[in-house]
Amino acid sequence: MSYSIVTTPNGWSVKNAARERVSPVFSTKDAAMDWAARRIERTAPQDRCCLACQRPFRSAGIHDRLCPHCGHRQGDGLGDEQRPTIKSKKN
């Protein structure tokens, strides 16, 4: 993903490749550049632990938190099946 630093009436902001603003407005250009660098680092592919089984795997980004084995299990409640409902106790 590519980002660009642009001036705004109130300071500096970061826009994505589609020219949509994706950051808050910063008072300095350096602050906007730091924000963009942290965003790139956070969303880059890296080794992460699976949230289900805790095994390390190569994640495609912050959105990818289940390993290939756990992410494609049948009957895990994430597919077409209905998720279980939790009923609260009535006093």
N, C-alpha and C. Protein backbone atom coordinates (compact mmCIF):
# COMPACT_ATOMS: atom_id res chain seq x y z
N MET A 1 0.86 -1.16 0.00
CA MET A 1 0.00 0.00 0.00
C MET A 1 0.90 1.22 0.00
N SER A 2 0.56 2.18 -0.80
CA SER A 2 1.36 3.41 -0.82
C SER A 2 0.56 4.56 -0.20
N TYR A 3 1.29 5.42 0.45
CA TYR A 3 0.69 6.58 1.11
C TYR A 3 1.39 7.84 0.63
N SER A 4 0.69 8.95 0.73
CA SER A 4 1.30 10.23 0.42
C SER A 4 0.97 11.21 1.54
N ILE A 5 1.91 12.11 1.81
CA ILE A 5 1.73 13.14 2.83
C ILE A 5 1.27 14.40 2.11
N VAL A 6 0.16 14.96 2.54
CA VAL A 6 -0.41 16.14 1.87
C VAL A 6 -0.68 17.25 2.89
N THR A 7 -0.64 18.46 2.41
CA THR A 7 -0.98 19.59 3.28
C THR A 7 -2.49 19.77 3.32
N THR A 8 -2.97 20.20 4.46
CA THR A 8 -4.39 20.51 4.64
C THR A 8 -4.46 21.93 5.20
N PRO A 9 -5.62 22.53 5.27
CA PRO A 9 -5.72 23.87 5.84
C PRO A 9 -5.21 23.95 7.28
N ASN A 10 -5.27 22.83 8.01
CA ASN A 10 -4.87 22.84 9.42
C ASN A 10 -3.56 22.12 9.71
N GLY A 11 -2.86 21.62 8.69
CA GLY A 11 -1.61 20.92 8.93
C GLY A 11 -1.30 19.91 7.83
N TRP A 12 -0.97 18.69 8.26
CA TRP A 12 -0.57 17.62 7.33
C TRP A 12 -1.40 16.37 7.60
N SER A 13 -1.68 15.61 6.55
CA SER A 13 -2.39 14.34 6.71
C SER A 13 -1.84 13.32 5.73
N VAL A 14 -2.27 12.08 5.89
CA VAL A 14 -1.82 10.98 5.06
C VAL A 14 -2.99 10.50 4.22
N LYS A 15 -2.73 10.31 2.93
CA LYS A 15 -3.75 9.77 2.02
C LYS A 15 -3.25 8.46 1.43
N ASN A 16 -4.20 7.57 1.11
CA ASN A 16 -3.85 6.30 0.50
C ASN A 16 -3.77 6.44 -1.01
N ALA A 17 -3.57 5.33 -1.71
CA ALA A 17 -3.41 5.36 -3.16
C ALA A 17 -4.67 5.86 -3.87
N ALA A 18 -5.84 5.70 -3.25
CA ALA A 18 -7.09 6.18 -3.83
C ALA A 18 -7.35 7.64 -3.47
N ARG A 19 -6.37 8.29 -2.87
CA ARG A 19 -6.43 9.71 -2.49
C ARG A 19 -7.48 9.98 -1.39
N GLU A 20 -7.73 8.96 -0.56
CA GLU A 20 -8.64 9.11 0.57
C GLU A 20 -7.80 9.38 1.82
N ARG A 21 -8.23 10.31 2.65
CA ARG A 21 -7.49 10.60 3.87
C ARG A 21 -7.68 9.44 4.84
N VAL A 22 -6.57 8.92 5.36
CA VAL A 22 -6.62 7.77 6.26
C VAL A 22 -6.03 8.08 7.63
N SER A 23 -5.66 9.32 7.88
CA SER A 23 -5.05 9.68 9.16
C SER A 23 -5.72 10.91 9.73
N PRO A 24 -5.43 11.18 11.01
CA PRO A 24 -5.85 12.47 11.55
C PRO A 24 -4.98 13.58 10.96
N VAL A 25 -5.27 14.82 11.28
CA VAL A 25 -4.45 15.94 10.82
C VAL A 25 -3.35 16.17 11.84
N PHE A 26 -2.12 16.31 11.36
CA PHE A 26 -0.96 16.52 12.21
C PHE A 26 -0.45 17.94 12.04
N SER A 27 0.19 18.45 13.08
CA SER A 27 0.70 19.83 13.03
C SER A 27 2.02 19.92 12.26
N THR A 28 2.74 18.79 12.13
CA THR A 28 4.02 18.81 11.40
C THR A 28 4.05 17.69 10.36
N LYS A 29 4.85 17.90 9.35
CA LYS A 29 5.01 16.89 8.31
C LYS A 29 5.68 15.64 8.87
N ASP A 30 6.64 15.84 9.79
CA ASP A 30 7.34 14.69 10.39
C ASP A 30 6.38 13.79 11.16
N ALA A 31 5.43 14.38 11.87
CA ALA A 31 4.44 13.57 12.61
C ALA A 31 3.59 12.75 11.65
N ALA A 32 3.21 13.32 10.53
CA ALA A 32 2.43 12.59 9.52
C ALA A 32 3.26 11.46 8.92
N MET A 33 4.53 11.72 8.66
CA MET A 33 5.41 10.68 8.11
C MET A 33 5.62 9.54 9.11
N ASP A 34 5.75 9.86 10.39
CA ASP A 34 5.88 8.82 11.42
C ASP A 34 4.64 7.96 11.48
N TRP A 35 3.47 8.59 11.40
CA TRP A 35 2.21 7.85 11.44
C TRP A 35 2.14 6.88 10.25
N ALA A 36 2.50 7.37 9.06
CA ALA A 36 2.46 6.52 7.86
C ALA A 36 3.44 5.35 7.99
N ALA A 37 4.62 5.60 8.53
CA ALA A 37 5.62 4.53 8.70
C ALA A 37 5.12 3.47 9.67
N ARG A 38 4.50 3.88 10.77
CA ARG A 38 3.95 2.91 11.73
C ARG A 38 2.82 2.11 11.10
N ARG A 39 1.99 2.76 10.30
CA ARG A 39 0.87 2.06 9.63
C ARG A 39 1.39 1.02 8.66
N ILE A 40 2.42 1.36 7.89
CA ILE A 40 3.01 0.41 6.95
C ILE A 40 3.60 -0.77 7.69
N GLU A 41 4.31 -0.51 8.77
CA GLU A 41 4.94 -1.58 9.55
C GLU A 41 3.88 -2.50 10.18
N ARG A 42 2.81 -1.91 10.70
CA ARG A 42 1.76 -2.68 11.38
C ARG A 42 1.00 -3.58 10.42
N THR A 43 0.78 -3.13 9.20
CA THR A 43 -0.03 -3.89 8.26
C THR A 43 0.79 -4.78 7.32
N ALA A 44 2.10 -4.72 7.43
CA ALA A 44 2.96 -5.53 6.56
C ALA A 44 2.89 -7.01 6.95
N PRO A 45 3.10 -7.90 5.98
CA PRO A 45 3.14 -9.33 6.31
C PRO A 45 4.25 -9.59 7.33
N GLN A 46 3.95 -10.41 8.33
CA GLN A 46 4.93 -10.77 9.34
C GLN A 46 4.50 -12.03 10.05
N ASP A 47 5.41 -12.59 10.85
CA ASP A 47 5.08 -13.77 11.63
C ASP A 47 4.21 -13.36 12.81
N ARG A 48 3.09 -14.05 12.98
CA ARG A 48 2.18 -13.80 14.09
C ARG A 48 1.77 -15.14 14.68
N CYS A 49 1.23 -15.12 15.88
CA CYS A 49 0.67 -16.32 16.49
C CYS A 49 -0.81 -16.38 16.18
N CYS A 50 -1.29 -17.55 15.83
CA CYS A 50 -2.71 -17.76 15.54
C CYS A 50 -3.51 -17.50 16.81
N LEU A 51 -4.62 -16.78 16.69
CA LEU A 51 -5.45 -16.50 17.84
C LEU A 51 -6.18 -17.74 18.36
N ALA A 52 -6.33 -18.75 17.53
CA ALA A 52 -7.05 -19.96 17.93
C ALA A 52 -6.11 -21.01 18.54
N CYS A 53 -4.98 -21.30 17.88
CA CYS A 53 -4.12 -22.40 18.33
C CYS A 53 -2.74 -21.93 18.82
N GLN A 54 -2.44 -20.66 18.68
CA GLN A 54 -1.18 -20.06 19.14
C GLN A 54 0.05 -20.50 18.34
N ARG A 55 -0.14 -21.23 17.25
CA ARG A 55 1.01 -21.60 16.41
C ARG A 55 1.43 -20.41 15.58
N PRO A 56 2.75 -20.20 15.40
CA PRO A 56 3.20 -19.09 14.55
C PRO A 56 2.93 -19.40 13.08
N PHE A 57 2.59 -18.37 12.32
CA PHE A 57 2.39 -18.50 10.87
C PHE A 57 2.69 -17.17 10.22
N ARG A 58 2.88 -17.17 8.92
CA ARG A 58 3.17 -15.94 8.17
C ARG A 58 1.85 -15.27 7.84
N SER A 59 1.57 -14.16 8.51
CA SER A 59 0.33 -13.43 8.35
C SER A 59 0.43 -12.45 7.18
N ALA A 60 -0.66 -12.29 6.46
CA ALA A 60 -0.69 -11.35 5.33
C ALA A 60 -0.84 -9.91 5.80
N GLY A 61 -1.20 -9.69 7.06
CA GLY A 61 -1.37 -8.35 7.59
C GLY A 61 -2.15 -8.40 8.89
N ILE A 62 -2.44 -7.25 9.47
CA ILE A 62 -3.11 -7.19 10.76
C ILE A 62 -4.49 -7.85 10.71
N HIS A 63 -5.11 -7.91 9.54
CA HIS A 63 -6.43 -8.52 9.40
C HIS A 63 -6.38 -10.04 9.41
N ASP A 64 -5.21 -10.62 9.21
CA ASP A 64 -5.04 -12.07 9.06
C ASP A 64 -4.50 -12.64 10.37
N ARG A 65 -5.39 -13.10 11.27
CA ARG A 65 -4.95 -13.52 12.60
C ARG A 65 -5.18 -15.00 12.87
N LEU A 66 -5.74 -15.75 11.90
CA LEU A 66 -5.89 -17.20 12.05
C LEU A 66 -4.99 -17.89 11.05
N CYS A 67 -4.27 -18.94 11.50
CA CYS A 67 -3.39 -19.68 10.60
C CYS A 67 -4.24 -20.38 9.54
N PRO A 68 -3.62 -20.83 8.46
CA PRO A 68 -4.39 -21.50 7.40
C PRO A 68 -5.19 -22.71 7.91
N HIS A 69 -4.64 -23.43 8.87
CA HIS A 69 -5.35 -24.61 9.40
C HIS A 69 -6.61 -24.18 10.15
N CYS A 70 -6.51 -23.23 11.05
CA CYS A 70 -7.66 -22.81 11.86
C CYS A 70 -8.64 -21.95 11.08
N GLY A 71 -8.15 -21.21 10.12
CA GLY A 71 -9.01 -20.31 9.37
C GLY A 71 -9.94 -20.99 8.40
N HIS A 72 -9.68 -22.27 8.09
CA HIS A 72 -10.48 -22.97 7.09
C HIS A 72 -11.14 -24.22 7.65
N ARG A 73 -11.29 -24.28 8.97
CA ARG A 73 -11.94 -25.43 9.60
C ARG A 73 -13.44 -25.41 9.34
N GLN A 74 -14.01 -26.54 9.08
CA GLN A 74 -15.46 -26.65 8.91
C GLN A 74 -16.11 -26.65 10.29
N GLY A 75 -17.24 -26.02 10.42
CA GLY A 75 -17.99 -26.07 11.65
C GLY A 75 -17.42 -25.23 12.78
N ASP A 76 -16.59 -24.24 12.45
CA ASP A 76 -16.00 -23.41 13.51
C ASP A 76 -16.85 -22.20 13.84
N GLY A 77 -18.02 -22.07 13.22
CA GLY A 77 -18.88 -20.95 13.51
C GLY A 77 -18.56 -19.71 12.68
N LEU A 78 -17.53 -19.79 11.86
CA LEU A 78 -17.13 -18.63 11.06
C LEU A 78 -17.66 -18.71 9.63
N GLY A 79 -18.19 -19.86 9.25
CA GLY A 79 -18.66 -20.02 7.89
C GLY A 79 -20.15 -19.78 7.77
N ASP A 80 -20.83 -20.67 7.06
CA ASP A 80 -22.25 -20.52 6.81
C ASP A 80 -23.11 -20.95 7.99
N GLU A 81 -22.52 -21.69 8.92
CA GLU A 81 -23.31 -22.17 10.05
C GLU A 81 -23.63 -21.02 11.00
N GLN A 82 -24.70 -21.16 11.72
CA GLN A 82 -25.10 -20.13 12.67
C GLN A 82 -24.18 -20.16 13.88
N ARG A 83 -23.78 -18.98 14.36
CA ARG A 83 -22.95 -18.90 15.55
C ARG A 83 -23.78 -19.25 16.77
N PRO A 84 -23.15 -19.86 17.77
CA PRO A 84 -23.90 -20.17 18.98
C PRO A 84 -24.34 -18.91 19.69
N THR A 85 -25.47 -18.98 20.37
CA THR A 85 -25.95 -17.82 21.11
C THR A 85 -25.70 -18.06 22.59
N ILE A 86 -25.42 -16.98 23.30
CA ILE A 86 -25.18 -17.04 24.73
C ILE A 86 -26.39 -16.44 25.42
N LYS A 87 -27.00 -17.22 26.29
CA LYS A 87 -28.18 -16.74 27.00
C LYS A 87 -27.76 -16.28 28.39
N SER A 88 -28.27 -15.17 28.81
CA SER A 88 -27.96 -14.67 30.14
C SER A 88 -28.91 -15.27 31.15
N LYS A 89 -28.44 -15.33 32.40
CA LYS A 89 -29.29 -15.85 33.47
C LYS A 89 -30.34 -14.82 33.82
N LYS A 90 -31.54 -15.28 34.07
CA LYS A 90 -32.60 -14.38 34.50
C LYS A 90 -32.70 -14.47 36.01
N ASN A 91 -32.78 -13.34 36.64
CA ASN A 91 -32.87 -13.32 38.12
C ASN A 91 -34.26 -13.59 38.59
